[in-house]
Protein backbone atom coordinates (compact mmCIF):
# COMPACT_ATOMS: atom_id res chain seq x y z
CA MET A 1 -0.52 0.15 38.53
CA ILE A 2 -1.41 -1.57 35.21
CA ILE A 3 0.79 -2.16 32.15
CA PHE A 4 -1.03 -1.99 28.80
CA TRP A 5 0.18 -3.11 25.39
CA ASN A 6 -0.93 -0.83 22.59
CA ASN A 7 -1.07 -2.91 19.39
CA LYS A 8 -1.87 0.11 17.26
CA ASN A 9 1.29 2.03 18.12
CA ASN A 10 3.44 -0.92 19.30
CA TYR A 11 4.45 0.24 22.76
CA PHE A 12 3.85 -0.41 26.45
CA THR A 13 1.98 2.16 28.56
CA ARG A 14 1.78 2.32 32.32
CA MET A 15 -1.47 3.57 33.80
CA GLU A 16 -2.32 4.37 37.39
CA SER A 17 -5.81 3.84 38.78
CA SER A 18 -7.33 6.46 41.08
CA SER A 19 -10.71 7.83 42.08
CA TYR A 20 -10.50 10.11 39.03
CA GLY A 21 -10.03 7.23 36.60
CA THR A 22 -7.04 5.70 34.87
CA MET A 23 -4.29 8.23 34.10
CA PRO A 24 -0.82 7.92 32.48
CA ILE A 25 2.05 8.12 34.97
CA ILE A 26 4.25 11.20 34.55
CA PRO A 27 7.93 10.31 35.15
CA SER A 28 10.18 12.36 37.41
CA LYS A 29 13.48 13.87 36.33
CA VAL A 30 16.85 12.14 36.83
CA SER A 31 20.08 14.11 36.54
CA ALA A 32 22.56 13.22 33.79
CA LYS A 33 25.22 12.75 36.45
CA ARG A 34 23.17 10.14 38.26
CA GLU A 35 22.49 8.32 34.99
CA THR A 36 26.22 8.23 34.29
CA TRP A 37 27.09 6.96 37.77
CA SER A 38 24.70 4.04 37.58
CA GLN A 39 26.28 2.92 34.31
CA LEU A 40 29.77 3.43 35.74
CA VAL A 41 28.97 1.19 38.69
CA ALA A 42 27.73 -1.62 36.46
CA ILE A 43 30.69 -1.24 34.08
CA ASN A 44 33.31 -1.20 36.84
CA VAL A 45 31.97 -4.36 38.48
CA ASN A 46 32.67 -6.06 35.17
CA ASN A 47 36.06 -4.35 35.03
CA VAL A 48 37.13 -6.13 38.21
CA LEU A 49 36.97 -9.37 36.25
CA LEU A 50 38.82 -7.77 33.35
CA LEU A 51 41.59 -6.82 35.77
CA SER A 52 41.87 -10.53 36.44
CA ASN A 53 42.03 -11.14 32.68
CA GLY A 54 44.94 -8.72 32.42
CA MET A 55 46.79 -10.34 35.29
CA ALA A 56 46.38 -13.73 33.61
CA ALA A 57 47.60 -12.28 30.29
CA GLY A 58 50.64 -10.68 31.92
CA TYR A 59 51.57 -13.73 33.96
CA ALA A 60 53.69 -15.30 31.19
CA THR A 61 55.90 -12.19 31.16
CA ILE A 62 57.00 -12.76 34.77
CA LEU A 63 56.76 -16.56 34.61
CA ILE A 64 59.45 -17.03 31.94
CA PRO A 65 62.26 -15.16 33.74
CA GLY A 66 61.01 -16.55 37.08
CA LEU A 67 61.41 -20.16 35.91
CA LEU A 68 64.81 -19.37 34.39
CA SER A 69 66.10 -17.91 37.66
CA ASP A 70 64.74 -20.77 39.81
CA ASN A 71 67.09 -23.34 38.26
CA ASP A 72 64.56 -26.06 39.06
CA LYS A 73 65.67 -29.29 37.35
CA ALA A 74 62.05 -30.45 37.07
CA MET A 75 61.11 -27.28 35.16
CA VAL A 76 64.00 -26.53 32.79
CA LEU A 77 63.12 -24.21 29.92
CA THR A 78 64.27 -24.52 26.32
CA GLU A 79 63.57 -21.97 23.60
CA THR A 80 60.64 -24.09 22.39
CA GLU A 81 59.12 -24.26 25.88
CA ILE A 82 59.55 -20.51 26.29
CA SER A 83 57.61 -19.91 23.08
CA TRP A 84 54.85 -22.26 24.29
CA ILE A 85 54.57 -20.46 27.63
CA GLY A 86 54.27 -17.15 25.79
CA SER A 87 51.57 -18.39 23.43
CA LEU A 88 49.76 -21.41 24.92
CA SER A 89 47.11 -19.45 26.81
CA TYR A 90 46.21 -17.54 23.64
CA MET A 91 45.67 -20.79 21.74
CA CYS A 92 43.36 -22.19 24.42
CA SER A 93 41.50 -18.89 24.57
CA ILE A 94 40.13 -19.67 21.12
CA ILE A 95 38.11 -22.55 22.60
CA GLY A 96 36.79 -20.34 25.38
CA CYS A 97 35.72 -17.63 22.95
CA PHE A 98 33.63 -19.99 20.84
CA LEU A 99 32.00 -21.41 23.95
CA SER A 100 31.37 -17.99 25.47
CA GLY A 101 28.90 -16.88 22.81
CA MET A 102 27.00 -20.17 23.03
CA ILE A 103 26.76 -19.86 26.82
CA THR A 104 26.01 -16.13 26.93
CA GLN A 105 23.08 -16.13 24.51
CA PRO A 106 20.80 -18.55 26.42
CA ILE A 107 21.73 -17.84 30.07
CA GLY A 108 22.54 -14.12 30.03
CA ARG A 109 25.57 -11.84 30.22
CA THR A 110 26.08 -11.55 33.99
CA ARG A 111 25.15 -15.16 34.72
CA ALA A 112 27.72 -16.40 32.19
CA VAL A 113 30.47 -14.44 33.95
CA HIS A 114 29.25 -15.68 37.32
CA LEU A 115 29.66 -19.23 36.10
CA VAL A 116 33.31 -18.72 35.14
CA CYS A 117 34.62 -16.97 38.28
CA PRO A 118 35.09 -20.01 40.59
CA PHE A 119 36.95 -21.95 37.90
CA LEU A 120 39.27 -19.02 37.13
CA PHE A 121 40.01 -18.71 40.86
CA ALA A 122 41.00 -22.39 41.03
CA SER A 123 43.08 -22.36 37.84
CA LEU A 124 45.28 -19.49 39.07
CA LEU A 125 46.04 -21.43 42.24
CA ILE A 126 47.52 -24.28 40.16
CA PHE A 127 50.59 -22.11 39.53
CA LYS A 128 51.18 -21.94 43.27
CA PHE A 129 51.41 -25.72 43.64
CA ALA A 130 52.98 -26.63 40.26
CA THR A 131 56.00 -28.96 40.47
CA GLN A 132 56.26 -30.11 36.82
CA MET A 133 56.16 -28.30 33.50
CA TRP A 134 52.93 -30.03 32.53
CA HIS A 135 51.30 -28.46 35.61
CA ILE A 136 52.29 -25.06 34.23
CA TYR A 137 50.91 -25.94 30.81
CA ILE A 138 47.57 -27.08 32.28
CA ALA A 139 47.25 -23.87 34.31
CA LEU A 140 48.03 -21.74 31.24
CA CYS A 141 45.47 -23.64 29.16
CA LEU A 142 42.75 -23.29 31.81
CA CYS A 143 43.45 -19.59 32.39
CA GLY A 144 43.40 -18.89 28.67
CA CYS A 145 40.12 -20.71 28.14
CA LEU A 146 38.37 -19.25 31.19
CA VAL A 147 39.55 -15.69 30.58
CA ALA A 148 38.18 -15.93 27.04
CA LEU A 149 34.81 -17.15 28.34
CA ILE A 150 34.42 -13.76 30.01
CA ASP A 151 35.02 -11.69 26.87
CA ALA A 152 31.74 -12.17 24.95
CA PRO A 153 29.37 -11.51 27.88
CA MET A 154 31.43 -8.52 29.02
CA LEU A 155 31.55 -6.88 25.60
CA SER A 156 27.88 -7.54 24.89
CA TYR A 157 26.86 -6.22 28.29
CA LYS A 158 28.79 -2.97 27.98
CA ALA A 159 27.43 -2.16 24.53
CA GLU A 160 23.85 -2.86 25.56
CA ILE A 161 23.64 -0.93 28.83
CA CYS A 162 25.39 2.31 27.84
CA GLN A 163 23.86 5.45 26.38
CA PRO A 164 25.27 6.40 22.94
CA HIS A 165 27.36 9.36 24.19
CA LEU A 166 28.98 7.17 26.86
CA ARG A 167 29.29 3.90 24.95
CA GLY A 168 32.68 4.51 23.31
CA MET A 169 34.32 5.79 26.49
CA LEU A 170 32.89 3.12 28.79
CA SER A 171 33.59 0.32 26.32
CA ALA A 172 37.20 1.47 26.19
CA THR A 173 37.49 0.85 29.93
CA SER A 174 37.68 -2.86 29.07
CA THR A 175 41.15 -2.44 27.61
CA VAL A 176 42.13 -0.03 30.40
CA SER A 177 41.22 -2.69 32.95
CA VAL A 178 43.07 -5.46 31.12
CA ILE A 179 46.21 -3.36 30.69
CA THR A 180 46.03 -2.26 34.34
CA GLY A 181 45.92 -5.94 35.27
CA VAL A 182 49.04 -6.53 33.15
CA LEU A 183 50.79 -3.65 34.92
CA LEU A 184 49.82 -5.00 38.35
CA GLN A 185 51.32 -8.32 37.31
CA PHE A 186 54.56 -6.62 36.22
CA ILE A 187 54.79 -4.80 39.57
CA LEU A 188 54.01 -7.90 41.61
CA GLY A 189 56.53 -9.90 39.59
CA THR A 190 59.22 -7.36 40.40
CA PHE A 191 58.81 -7.74 44.16
CA PHE A 192 57.34 -11.22 44.71
CA HIS A 193 58.04 -14.78 43.62
CA TRP A 194 55.87 -15.98 40.73
CA ARG A 195 54.08 -18.48 42.99
CA THR A 196 53.09 -15.72 45.42
CA VAL A 197 51.86 -13.61 42.52
CA ALA A 198 49.55 -16.44 41.48
CA VAL A 199 47.89 -16.46 44.90
CA ILE A 200 47.41 -12.68 44.85
CA SER A 201 45.95 -12.85 41.33
CA SER A 202 43.38 -15.43 42.38
CA SER A 203 41.68 -12.94 44.72
CA LEU A 204 40.17 -10.88 41.89
CA PRO A 205 37.85 -13.58 40.47
CA PHE A 206 36.56 -14.14 44.01
CA ILE A 207 35.87 -10.42 44.53
CA GLY A 208 34.21 -10.14 41.12
CA PHE A 209 31.98 -13.12 41.84
CA ILE A 210 30.57 -11.35 44.93
CA LEU A 211 30.09 -7.97 43.21
CA LEU A 212 28.17 -9.44 40.26
CA PHE A 213 25.22 -10.15 42.56
CA PHE A 214 24.58 -6.39 42.82
CA ILE A 215 24.23 -5.38 39.15
CA PRO A 216 21.33 -6.12 36.76
CA GLU A 217 21.28 -8.19 33.59
CA SER A 218 21.25 -6.40 30.21
CA PRO A 219 17.77 -5.06 29.33
CA HIS A 220 18.36 -6.06 25.68
CA TRP A 221 18.88 -9.68 26.71
CA PHE A 222 15.64 -9.61 28.73
CA ILE A 223 13.77 -8.19 25.73
CA MET A 224 15.14 -10.86 23.41
CA HIS A 225 13.89 -13.50 25.85
CA ASN A 226 10.48 -11.86 26.30
CA LYS A 227 11.05 -10.85 29.94
CA ILE A 228 9.50 -7.43 29.63
CA ASP A 229 9.06 -6.51 33.28
CA LYS A 230 12.65 -7.51 34.14
CA ALA A 231 13.92 -5.53 31.16
CA GLN A 232 12.17 -2.41 32.41
CA ARG A 233 13.51 -2.81 35.95
CA SER A 234 17.01 -3.39 34.61
CA LEU A 235 16.87 -0.26 32.45
CA ALA A 236 15.53 1.77 35.38
CA TRP A 237 18.52 0.64 37.51
CA LEU A 238 20.97 1.54 34.75
CA ARG A 239 19.51 5.01 34.18
CA GLY A 240 20.13 6.39 37.63
CA TRP A 241 18.42 3.90 39.96
CA THR A 242 15.14 5.48 38.97
CA THR A 243 11.56 4.30 38.46
CA ILE A 244 10.27 2.27 35.53
CA GLU A 245 8.04 5.15 34.48
CA ASN A 246 11.06 7.40 33.98
CA VAL A 247 12.61 5.11 31.35
CA GLU A 248 9.37 4.30 29.54
CA GLU A 249 10.28 6.24 26.40
CA GLU A 250 13.75 4.67 26.05
CA PHE A 251 12.33 1.22 26.74
CA GLN A 252 9.66 1.64 24.08
CA GLN A 253 12.37 2.65 21.60
CA MET A 254 14.38 -0.47 22.49
CA TRP A 255 11.29 -2.60 22.05
CA ASN A 256 10.40 -1.06 18.69
CA ASN A 257 13.95 -1.48 17.40
CA TYR A 258 13.92 -5.11 18.40
CA LYS A 259 10.56 -5.72 16.72
CA GLU A 260 11.64 -3.97 13.50
CA VAL A 261 15.14 -5.39 12.92
CA SER A 262 15.19 -8.71 14.73
CA SER A 263 15.42 -11.67 12.38
CA TYR A 264 14.37 -14.10 15.09
CA GLU A 265 10.83 -14.93 13.99
CA SER A 266 10.81 -17.55 16.75
CA PHE A 267 10.88 -14.83 19.35
CA LYS A 268 7.84 -12.88 18.14
CA VAL A 269 5.94 -11.92 21.24
CA ASP A 270 2.44 -13.12 21.91
CA CYS A 271 1.17 -10.46 24.28
CA ASN A 272 -1.76 -12.58 25.43
CA THR A 273 0.21 -15.66 26.51
CA GLN A 274 3.75 -14.32 27.14
CA THR A 275 5.14 -17.31 25.18
CA SER A 276 7.26 -17.64 22.06
CA GLU A 277 7.03 -19.78 18.99
CA LYS A 278 9.16 -22.86 18.43
CA PHE A 279 12.85 -22.07 17.89
CA ASP A 280 14.03 -22.44 14.27
CA TRP A 281 17.70 -23.51 14.26
CA LYS A 282 18.04 -23.28 10.48
CA GLN A 283 16.85 -19.70 10.45
CA SER A 284 19.10 -18.72 13.36
CA LEU A 285 22.19 -20.19 11.66
CA LEU A 286 21.47 -18.15 8.53
CA LEU A 287 22.01 -15.00 10.61
CA TYR A 288 25.74 -15.76 10.74
CA VAL A 289 26.29 -15.94 6.98
CA ARG A 290 24.68 -12.62 6.15
CA LYS A 291 26.65 -9.53 5.19
CA ASN A 292 25.56 -7.58 8.28
CA PHE A 293 27.45 -10.18 10.34
CA LEU A 294 30.39 -11.12 8.10
CA TRP A 295 31.34 -7.58 7.11
CA PRO A 296 31.80 -6.23 10.67
CA LEU A 297 33.47 -9.51 11.66
CA GLY A 298 35.98 -9.12 8.83
CA LEU A 299 36.67 -5.50 9.75
CA VAL A 300 37.28 -6.16 13.43
CA SER A 301 39.40 -9.22 12.58
CA PHE A 302 41.69 -7.05 10.46
CA LEU A 303 42.00 -4.55 13.32
CA PHE A 304 42.91 -7.40 15.68
CA PHE A 305 45.58 -8.42 13.17
CA LEU A 306 47.00 -4.89 13.31
CA ALA A 307 46.88 -4.88 17.11
CA ASN A 308 49.04 -8.02 17.25
CA PHE A 309 51.31 -7.79 14.21
CA THR A 310 52.51 -4.24 14.77
CA GLY A 311 54.79 -5.19 17.67
CA ILE A 312 52.54 -4.44 20.65
CA CYS A 313 51.67 -8.04 21.49
CA THR A 314 55.22 -9.45 21.34
CA LEU A 315 56.61 -6.41 23.16
CA GLN A 316 54.34 -7.18 26.12
CA THR A 317 55.11 -10.91 26.19
CA TYR A 318 58.89 -10.70 25.68
CA ALA A 319 59.43 -7.29 27.29
CA VAL A 320 62.20 -8.34 29.71
CA SER A 321 64.22 -10.07 26.99
CA ILE A 322 63.70 -7.32 24.41
CA PHE A 323 65.00 -4.64 26.78
CA GLY A 324 67.97 -6.84 27.58
CA THR A 325 68.72 -7.57 23.93
CA LEU A 326 68.68 -3.86 23.04
CA GLN A 327 70.86 -3.07 26.10
CA ALA A 328 68.37 -0.71 27.75
CA PRO A 329 70.11 1.69 30.20
CA MET A 330 68.07 0.50 33.21
CA ASP A 331 67.16 -2.74 34.93
CA ASN A 332 65.12 -4.92 32.57
CA TYR A 333 62.37 -5.52 35.16
CA TYR A 334 62.08 -1.81 35.99
CA ALA A 335 61.95 -1.06 32.27
CA THR A 336 59.13 -3.61 31.96
CA VAL A 337 57.20 -1.95 34.81
CA THR A 338 57.71 1.42 33.11
CA LEU A 339 56.34 -0.14 29.95
CA GLY A 340 53.30 -1.36 31.88
CA VAL A 341 52.67 2.08 33.38
CA THR A 342 52.87 3.59 29.91
CA GLN A 343 50.34 1.08 28.59
CA VAL A 344 47.90 1.95 31.36
CA VAL A 345 48.33 5.70 30.81
CA GLY A 346 47.83 5.25 27.07
CA SER A 347 44.75 3.09 27.43
CA PHE A 348 43.31 5.53 29.99
CA LEU A 349 43.82 8.47 27.64
CA SER A 350 42.10 6.46 24.91
CA LEU A 351 38.83 7.00 26.83
CA PHE A 352 39.03 10.71 26.03
CA VAL A 353 40.65 10.38 22.61
CA VAL A 354 37.80 8.22 21.33
CA LYS A 355 35.20 10.57 22.81
CA TYR A 356 36.59 13.82 21.40
CA PHE A 357 38.41 12.73 18.22
CA GLY A 358 36.54 9.57 17.22
CA LYS A 359 37.65 6.11 16.21
CA ARG A 360 39.02 6.95 12.78
CA VAL A 361 41.50 9.58 13.97
CA MET A 362 42.35 7.35 16.92
CA GLY A 363 43.24 4.47 14.58
CA PHE A 364 45.07 6.54 11.96
CA VAL A 365 47.43 8.28 14.37
CA SER A 366 48.14 5.05 16.24
CA VAL A 367 49.21 2.89 13.29
CA LEU A 368 51.32 5.65 11.71
CA GLY A 369 53.05 6.20 15.07
CA LEU A 370 53.71 2.47 15.38
CA ALA A 371 55.21 2.42 11.87
CA PHE A 372 57.66 5.16 12.83
CA CYS A 373 58.62 3.55 16.17
CA ASN A 374 59.17 0.12 14.60
CA ALA A 375 61.35 1.65 11.92
CA VAL A 376 63.51 3.44 14.52
CA VAL A 377 63.93 0.34 16.71
CA GLY A 378 64.80 -1.71 13.64
CA ILE A 379 67.49 0.77 12.58
CA TYR A 380 69.01 0.78 16.10
CA ALA A 381 68.98 -3.04 16.33
CA PHE A 382 70.69 -3.22 12.93
CA MET A 383 73.38 -0.74 13.98
CA ILE A 384 74.28 -2.55 17.23
CA LYS A 385 74.01 -5.93 15.45
CA ALA A 386 71.33 -7.27 17.81
CA LYS A 387 70.27 -10.05 15.48
CA TYR A 388 68.38 -12.39 17.79
CA LEU A 389 66.45 -12.22 21.07
CA ILE A 390 68.58 -12.99 24.13
CA PHE A 391 66.80 -14.48 27.16
CA GLU A 392 69.67 -14.51 29.68
CA VAL A 393 71.28 -11.08 29.62
CA GLU A 394 74.11 -10.16 31.94
CA SER A 395 74.07 -6.62 33.28
CA ASP A 396 77.25 -5.11 31.83
CA ASN A 397 77.27 -1.36 31.38
CA SER A 398 80.35 -1.53 29.14
CA LEU A 399 78.29 -3.29 26.47
CA ARG A 400 75.73 -0.51 26.31
CA SER A 401 75.79 2.03 23.51
CA ASP A 402 75.85 5.74 24.22
CA TYR A 403 72.52 5.88 22.41
CA ALA A 404 70.86 3.08 24.42
CA TRP A 405 68.19 5.54 25.53
CA ILE A 406 66.83 5.60 21.96
CA PRO A 407 65.33 2.08 21.91
CA LEU A 408 64.16 2.46 25.52
CA CYS A 409 62.25 5.66 24.77
CA THR A 410 61.01 4.37 21.42
CA LEU A 411 59.67 1.10 22.85
CA ILE A 412 57.91 2.97 25.63
CA ALA A 413 56.50 5.42 23.07
CA MET A 414 55.36 2.44 20.98
CA ALA A 415 53.49 0.99 23.96
CA PHE A 416 51.85 4.37 24.60
CA ILE A 417 50.85 5.02 20.98
CA GLY A 418 49.55 1.49 20.53
CA HIS A 419 47.39 1.58 23.64
CA VAL A 420 45.95 5.00 22.86
CA GLY A 421 44.70 3.61 19.58
CA ILE A 422 44.88 0.29 17.78
CA ARG A 423 45.14 -1.88 20.90
CA VAL A 424 41.85 -0.47 22.21
CA LEU A 425 39.96 0.27 19.00
CA PRO A 426 38.87 -3.23 17.88
CA TRP A 427 37.54 -4.09 21.34
CA ILE A 428 35.34 -0.98 21.33
CA LEU A 429 34.04 -1.78 17.86
CA LEU A 430 33.48 -5.44 18.67
CA SER A 431 30.87 -4.55 21.27
CA GLU A 432 28.74 -2.36 19.00
CA ILE A 433 28.88 -3.49 15.36
CA PHE A 434 26.83 -6.71 15.50
CA PRO A 435 23.01 -6.93 15.52
CA HIS A 436 21.46 -7.65 18.92
CA GLU A 437 20.52 -11.22 18.08
CA THR A 438 24.06 -12.14 16.95
CA ARG A 439 26.08 -9.93 19.29
CA ALA A 440 27.00 -12.55 21.89
CA ILE A 441 28.13 -15.10 19.30
CA GLY A 442 29.81 -12.35 17.26
CA CYS A 443 31.77 -11.09 20.25
CA GLY A 444 32.79 -14.66 21.03
CA ILE A 445 34.00 -15.34 17.49
CA GLY A 446 35.73 -11.95 17.32
CA SER A 447 37.50 -12.59 20.62
CA ALA A 448 38.54 -16.04 19.37
CA ILE A 449 40.07 -14.45 16.29
CA PHE A 450 42.00 -12.02 18.52
CA TYR A 451 43.44 -14.84 20.61
CA LEU A 452 44.25 -16.89 17.51
CA ILE A 453 46.17 -13.97 16.00
CA ALA A 454 47.86 -13.21 19.34
CA PHE A 455 48.90 -16.87 19.61
CA LEU A 456 50.38 -16.78 16.11
CA ALA A 457 52.11 -13.46 16.76
CA ASN A 458 53.82 -14.79 19.90
CA LYS A 459 54.50 -18.25 18.53
CA VAL A 460 56.13 -17.16 15.26
CA PHE A 461 58.02 -14.18 16.72
CA LEU A 462 61.14 -16.16 17.60
CA ARG A 463 60.99 -17.99 14.27
CA LEU A 464 60.67 -14.67 12.41
CA THR A 465 63.72 -13.28 14.22
CA SER A 466 65.72 -16.32 13.15
CA TYR A 467 64.81 -15.67 9.48
CA LEU A 468 64.56 -11.88 9.29
CA GLN A 469 66.69 -10.98 12.34
CA PHE A 470 65.35 -8.60 14.98
CA ALA A 471 65.70 -5.50 12.79
CA GLY A 472 63.90 -7.20 9.91
CA VAL A 473 60.96 -8.13 12.13
CA CYS A 474 60.65 -4.48 13.26
CA TRP A 475 60.61 -3.29 9.66
CA PHE A 476 58.07 -5.97 8.79
CA TYR A 477 55.81 -4.62 11.57
CA ALA A 478 56.31 -1.07 10.25
CA ALA A 479 55.19 -2.14 6.76
CA ILE A 480 52.06 -3.81 8.18
CA SER A 481 51.24 -0.60 10.08
CA VAL A 482 51.34 1.49 6.89
CA PHE A 483 49.19 -1.08 5.07
CA GLY A 484 46.73 -0.99 7.99
CA PHE A 485 46.39 2.79 7.70
CA ILE A 486 45.39 2.48 4.03
CA ILE A 487 42.75 -0.17 4.72
CA MET A 488 41.27 1.73 7.69
CA TYR A 489 41.06 4.95 5.69
CA PHE A 490 38.73 3.37 3.14
CA PHE A 491 36.74 0.88 5.22
CA LEU A 492 36.54 2.05 8.86
CA PRO A 493 33.29 3.98 9.60
CA GLU A 494 33.02 6.53 12.38
CA THR A 495 30.69 5.10 15.02
CA GLU A 496 31.53 7.35 17.96
CA GLY A 497 28.45 8.96 19.52
CA LYS A 498 26.13 7.29 17.01
CA ASP A 499 23.07 5.41 18.15
CA LEU A 500 23.64 1.66 18.42
CA GLN A 501 20.86 0.99 15.93
CA ASP A 502 22.42 3.40 13.40
CA VAL A 503 25.71 1.49 13.62
CA ILE A 504 23.90 -1.81 13.06
CA ASN A 505 22.01 -0.30 10.09
CA HIS A 506 25.27 0.86 8.51
CA PHE A 507 26.66 -2.66 8.35
CA ALA A 508 23.28 -3.94 7.16
CA GLU A 509 23.41 -1.29 4.38
CA VAL A 510 20.11 0.17 5.53
CA SER A 511 21.75 3.56 6.02
CA GLN A 512 25.23 5.09 5.81
CA LEU A 513 27.28 6.58 8.66
CA ASP A 514 29.22 9.77 8.03
CA ASP A 515 32.82 10.29 9.15
CA LYS A 516 32.01 12.87 11.82
CA VAL A 517 31.89 12.28 15.58
CA LYS A 518 28.38 12.80 16.91
CA ARG A 519 28.35 15.05 19.96
CA GLU A 520 25.91 14.80 22.85
CA ILE A 521 23.12 17.37 22.66
CA LYS A 522 22.61 18.79 26.13
CA THR A 523 19.10 19.81 27.12
CA ASN A 524 17.78 21.45 30.25
CA SER A 525 14.76 19.23 30.63
CA LYS A 526 13.92 15.59 30.45
CA SER A 527 11.40 14.14 28.01
CA HIS A 528 8.18 12.98 29.54
CA THR A 529 5.73 10.30 28.60
CA SER A 530 3.00 11.57 26.30
CA HIS A 531 -0.37 12.38 27.93
CA THR A 532 -2.28 11.53 24.78
CA THR A 533 -5.27 9.33 25.47
CA ILE A 534 -4.93 5.84 24.02
CA SER A 535 -7.87 5.16 21.77
CA THR A 536 -7.62 1.37 21.80
CA VAL A 537 -6.20 -0.68 24.64
CA GLU A 538 -6.34 -4.24 23.48
CA ASP A 539 -4.48 -6.49 25.91
CA LYS A 540 -2.99 -6.48 29.36
CA VAL A 541 0.59 -7.76 29.72
């Protein structure tokens, strides 16, 4: 078998030698179901690590009440220390996010995640052996930084390996996995001591490290680094464990897109020598100040702001105390587990909501629902005079209002509505709106902005309640939700089902996306490689 580069038409062609001469190879058919399964396998290996991310994110929720109940004199909590536990990992995640893009771009998506796994395993075990508060702080900082290092390679990988009609749904599994990890942490925290939970949590990075050996690197990353043969084998694996010949047409399209839109002149391919020109740092840095990078970054940053300052983030972190403060008619820990189950159900349903209704409808309904729920909780808190958050709540049924079911149901509804929409939406967009050459860095910066906003949301929550009281904070979140709806209506494009290159072209102002969801066109037959004779074959690869 010989691979030829056709300079006239800019594509690779595979030819097979026989006694009858050199003929093009005709690819065999692969079922759509098999194509989907191969992508699902690759995605779910990554999701094992995202489960670990969720467990790390949810650990503060069980750690705060766990430390309070231990009565350990060496680890006494004040209100300030509680706020640091709830927000410290988010602050350190910012560092990890910036580093993740820098690591992912040169070494690859899967290799970057591989590098992080052993360190995440070790950092979770620190909780098990912690005897001083500074041990806890170090573990939180390490977990936050290491979890963030995983974000950019994961998001880039998922966007680059999925077919357009599956990309939105499979990208949304990232949030499903994270929220499932949070739920698992809530459940484990209900039945086990927080030190035991840390040991259980550390098993997932170890499992993920082993599984990563069995999935391929992103074909886009191979193309950007001029590893053509590896890119073709990777794409063949991801399209149903098929042959290279069967993905020739899609690969040629990937290659042509890269050649046409890539701004990396240093990576122009020399087909004779398989080498690249000298890297131009000045030119590469200019990529990050162009509109096609800053505009999508600004949009996704605003959506991250909505995801954190509409009550979802603080509800997850301070769930036990919020239920206690509002006198929920059930055990605070069981209410927290119920909240976690609702988050998982909501994020799971988001897979289908985004596929059938699109990202715009998904976002609109979510933020308007959050505005209503925040308003209701605020009114109830005002009526029962629950001014501030209470961390040590005694179980006294006589203190509960006859309408205590209202805040319980509303908070659970808020978790559901948020995770069907705005909690998931920016993470889906983050993986698809940046050009290929800036995607890893863009995902890293975007993730850093999320963690920065989440840190601020958790850190200032207690201070806001002291100024605005609990009801005032809820109404403040409701106002932000309404404002978010207005901004999204005018500036959020519909990217669901659209080709990845069309999305990139929209933000580069090359073309304009419409507001309709693009549906998959089902055909009964697969496209085959053209049998047209190549008039000029200039170089072997």
